[in-house]
């Protein structure tokens, strides 16, 4: 059976990735495609620990520990969930992937080290970055009544947004990355996301493992 596809949506907190992932999965299933929905941190044992830590439990936690845990969760995620789904030929749609680790935990030499930690991670067939101004994202989180996590301070989110721009620019030569205006209406964003994913998943050209 042919290998499936890995589609990733990325963006700062409040960019709308969770909303758009859900809409994309619904639309692909309506097309009759086998789709597996997932997220990072994962729902595995390391991912559950990370979610507790992001909510402020087990503090203080340094950046090195977080980077190692995210890489460990990703390896476990691939082994438990993503790999088997792709082996059966499914389209795996993930809310975040290693780009988040590079944008959130990395800068300079630290980012190079995080790249090494993630060398064995699967490369997405398509990564879509929903680009949103950090102030807009903060207002969205507040209006949704979301509790702030450890990275949600506005100054941190500004740094993360800049990190995403650097990461996507640096990786654009080695994988397919598309940047989408995340401040459009949800319907407009969903239409662009679906069109680009349909194009990618119809592409018969060889893909990197």
Protein backbone atom coordinates (compact mmCIF):
# COMPACT_ATOMS: atom_id res chain seq x y z
CA UNK A 1 0.00 0.00 0.00
CA UNK A 2 1.40 3.45 -0.86
CA UNK A 3 2.61 5.74 1.89
CA UNK A 4 0.10 8.33 3.00
CA UNK A 5 0.59 12.06 3.38
CA UNK A 6 1.57 14.22 6.35
CA UNK A 7 -0.08 17.64 6.40
CA UNK A 8 0.83 20.10 9.17
CA UNK A 9 -0.77 23.36 10.25
CA UNK A 10 1.38 25.75 12.27
CA UNK A 11 1.04 29.16 13.89
CA UNK A 12 1.29 31.04 17.16
CA UNK A 13 -1.29 30.46 19.90
CA UNK A 14 -4.56 31.92 18.66
CA UNK A 15 -3.66 31.64 14.97
CA UNK A 16 -6.60 29.31 14.38
CA UNK A 17 -4.75 26.07 13.67
CA UNK A 18 -7.11 23.91 15.72
CA UNK A 19 -10.18 25.34 14.00
CA UNK A 20 -8.70 24.95 10.54
CA UNK A 21 -7.40 21.43 11.19
CA UNK A 22 -10.92 20.33 12.15
CA UNK A 23 -12.44 21.95 9.08
CA UNK A 24 -9.82 20.43 6.81
CA UNK A 25 -10.38 16.94 8.19
CA UNK A 26 -14.15 17.25 7.70
CA UNK A 27 -13.70 18.42 4.11
CA UNK A 28 -11.24 15.65 3.21
CA UNK A 29 -13.51 13.01 4.71
CA UNK A 30 -16.35 14.44 2.64
CA UNK A 31 -14.08 13.82 -0.38
CA UNK A 32 -13.98 10.17 0.66
CA UNK A 33 -10.36 10.26 1.87
CA UNK A 34 -8.97 8.23 4.77
CA UNK A 35 -7.89 10.95 7.22
CA UNK A 36 -6.21 10.72 10.61
CA UNK A 37 -6.47 13.80 12.87
CA UNK A 38 -3.77 14.39 15.46
CA UNK A 39 -1.92 17.11 17.35
CA UNK A 40 1.25 18.00 19.23
CA UNK A 41 1.85 17.69 22.07
CA UNK A 42 0.35 14.28 21.38
CA UNK A 43 -2.13 12.32 23.47
CA UNK A 44 0.60 9.82 24.38
CA UNK A 45 2.28 9.63 27.79
CA UNK A 46 4.99 12.23 27.07
CA UNK A 47 2.47 14.50 25.38
CA UNK A 48 0.16 14.41 28.38
CA UNK A 49 3.07 15.42 30.62
CA UNK A 50 3.90 18.28 28.27
CA UNK A 51 0.33 19.56 28.37
CA UNK A 52 0.51 19.67 32.17
CA UNK A 53 3.79 21.57 31.96
CA UNK A 54 2.44 24.04 29.41
CA UNK A 55 -0.43 24.76 31.80
CA UNK A 56 2.11 25.66 34.50
CA UNK A 57 2.42 22.40 36.42
CA UNK A 58 5.85 21.10 37.48
CA UNK A 59 7.38 24.61 37.17
CA UNK A 60 10.04 25.81 36.75
CA UNK A 61 11.08 23.96 33.58
CA UNK A 62 14.01 25.13 31.48
CA UNK A 63 14.15 25.32 27.68
CA UNK A 64 16.52 22.35 27.38
CA UNK A 65 14.12 20.07 29.23
CA UNK A 66 11.17 21.24 27.13
CA UNK A 67 13.10 20.71 23.88
CA UNK A 68 14.05 17.17 24.89
CA UNK A 69 10.50 16.34 25.94
CA UNK A 70 8.97 17.68 22.73
CA UNK A 71 11.45 15.65 20.66
CA UNK A 72 10.70 12.54 22.74
CA UNK A 73 6.96 13.08 22.36
CA UNK A 74 7.36 13.46 18.59
CA UNK A 75 9.31 10.21 18.31
CA UNK A 76 6.69 8.40 20.39
CA UNK A 77 3.91 10.07 18.40
CA UNK A 78 5.35 8.80 15.11
CA UNK A 79 5.84 5.27 16.45
CA UNK A 80 2.43 4.97 18.09
CA UNK A 81 0.14 6.90 15.80
CA UNK A 82 1.45 8.83 12.78
CA UNK A 83 3.58 6.07 11.26
CA UNK A 84 0.88 3.37 11.33
CA UNK A 85 -1.70 5.76 9.86
CA UNK A 86 0.63 6.69 6.99
CA UNK A 87 1.51 3.06 6.35
CA UNK A 88 -2.14 2.32 5.63
CA UNK A 89 -2.16 5.24 3.15
CA UNK A 90 -4.06 7.79 5.25
CA UNK A 91 -3.72 11.56 5.11
CA UNK A 92 -2.42 12.52 8.55
CA UNK A 93 -3.38 16.08 9.52
CA UNK A 94 -1.44 17.38 12.52
CA UNK A 95 -2.00 20.53 14.55
CA UNK A 96 1.74 21.44 14.91
CA UNK A 97 4.95 19.52 14.25
CA UNK A 98 8.68 20.14 14.69
CA UNK A 99 8.40 23.70 13.35
CA UNK A 100 6.77 24.63 16.68
CA UNK A 101 9.77 23.33 18.62
CA UNK A 102 12.11 25.39 16.46
CA UNK A 103 10.00 28.54 16.77
CA UNK A 104 9.11 28.25 20.46
CA UNK A 105 12.23 26.76 22.05
CA UNK A 106 14.98 27.67 19.61
CA UNK A 107 17.22 30.55 18.59
CA UNK A 108 20.76 30.53 17.24
CA UNK A 109 22.79 27.56 18.45
CA UNK A 110 19.80 26.27 20.42
CA UNK A 111 17.77 25.99 17.23
CA UNK A 112 20.56 24.04 15.53
CA UNK A 113 20.55 21.60 18.45
CA UNK A 114 16.77 21.19 18.22
CA UNK A 115 17.15 20.37 14.53
CA UNK A 116 19.52 17.56 15.50
CA UNK A 117 17.02 16.24 18.05
CA UNK A 118 14.38 16.08 15.32
CA UNK A 119 16.50 14.61 12.51
CA UNK A 120 14.54 11.34 12.55
CA UNK A 121 11.12 12.99 12.54
CA UNK A 122 8.98 12.54 9.43
CA UNK A 123 9.13 15.44 7.02
CA UNK A 124 5.67 16.85 6.20
CA UNK A 125 4.46 16.74 2.61
CA UNK A 126 2.98 20.19 3.20
CA UNK A 127 3.23 22.65 6.08
CA UNK A 128 0.79 25.57 6.21
CA UNK A 129 1.71 28.50 8.47
CA UNK A 130 -1.28 30.61 9.50
CA UNK A 131 0.35 33.99 10.00
CA UNK A 132 -1.43 36.23 12.51
CA UNK A 133 -0.31 39.37 14.34
CA UNK A 134 0.42 38.47 18.00
CA UNK A 135 -1.95 41.19 19.23
CA UNK A 136 -4.77 39.76 17.11
CA UNK A 137 -4.03 36.27 18.40
CA UNK A 138 -4.05 37.53 22.01
CA UNK A 139 -7.50 39.08 21.51
CA UNK A 140 -8.76 35.82 20.04
CA UNK A 141 -7.49 33.83 23.03
CA UNK A 142 -9.11 36.29 25.44
CA UNK A 143 -12.46 36.28 23.63
CA UNK A 144 -12.45 32.48 23.66
CA UNK A 145 -11.86 32.49 27.42
CA UNK A 146 -8.68 30.47 27.09
CA UNK A 147 -6.38 30.16 30.08
CA UNK A 148 -2.90 31.43 29.30
CA UNK A 149 -0.13 28.85 29.05
CA UNK A 150 3.53 29.44 29.80
CA UNK A 151 4.34 30.76 26.31
CA UNK A 152 1.27 33.01 25.94
CA UNK A 153 2.66 36.30 27.25
CA UNK A 154 2.45 38.87 24.44
CA UNK A 155 6.20 39.57 24.37
CA UNK A 156 6.90 35.83 24.12
CA UNK A 157 4.38 35.44 21.31
CA UNK A 158 6.04 38.28 19.41
CA UNK A 159 9.35 36.42 19.69
CA UNK A 160 7.68 33.18 18.59
CA UNK A 161 6.07 34.89 15.57
CA UNK A 162 9.51 36.16 14.52
CA UNK A 163 10.89 32.66 15.13
CA UNK A 164 8.29 31.13 12.84
CA UNK A 165 9.21 33.55 10.05
CA UNK A 166 12.89 32.62 10.40
CA UNK A 167 12.21 28.88 10.60
CA UNK A 168 9.90 28.81 7.60
CA UNK A 169 12.32 30.88 5.53
CA UNK A 170 15.25 28.62 6.45
CA UNK A 171 13.34 25.38 5.75
CA UNK A 172 11.54 26.45 2.58
CA UNK A 173 14.36 25.07 0.42
CA UNK A 174 14.08 21.56 1.85
CA UNK A 175 10.33 21.08 2.25
CA UNK A 176 7.08 22.57 1.00
CA UNK A 177 5.92 25.40 3.23
CA UNK A 178 3.07 27.78 2.38
CA UNK A 179 2.27 30.90 4.39
CA UNK A 180 -1.40 31.87 4.63
CA UNK A 181 -2.89 35.12 5.91
CA UNK A 182 -4.51 33.91 9.13
CA UNK A 183 -6.44 37.14 9.62
CA UNK A 184 -8.88 36.40 6.81
CA UNK A 185 -12.32 35.02 7.64
CA UNK A 186 -12.34 31.37 8.77
CA UNK A 187 -14.21 30.42 5.57
CA UNK A 188 -11.61 32.11 3.36
CA UNK A 189 -8.74 30.44 5.20
CA UNK A 190 -10.44 27.04 5.05
CA UNK A 191 -10.90 27.36 1.29
CA UNK A 192 -7.21 28.16 0.72
CA UNK A 193 -6.07 25.37 3.06
CA UNK A 194 -8.28 22.78 1.38
CA UNK A 195 -7.21 23.79 -2.13
CA UNK A 196 -3.51 23.47 -1.28
CA UNK A 197 -3.97 20.16 0.50
CA UNK A 198 -6.01 18.70 -2.36
CA UNK A 199 -3.24 19.73 -4.76
CA UNK A 200 -0.57 18.14 -2.56
CA UNK A 201 -2.43 14.90 -1.99
CA UNK A 202 -3.13 14.48 -5.69
CA UNK A 203 0.57 14.89 -6.57
CA UNK A 204 1.96 11.54 -7.84
CA UNK A 205 5.62 12.65 -7.66
CA UNK A 206 8.00 10.78 -5.34
CA UNK A 207 8.15 12.10 -1.77
CA UNK A 208 10.84 11.97 0.88
CA UNK A 209 10.33 9.45 3.70
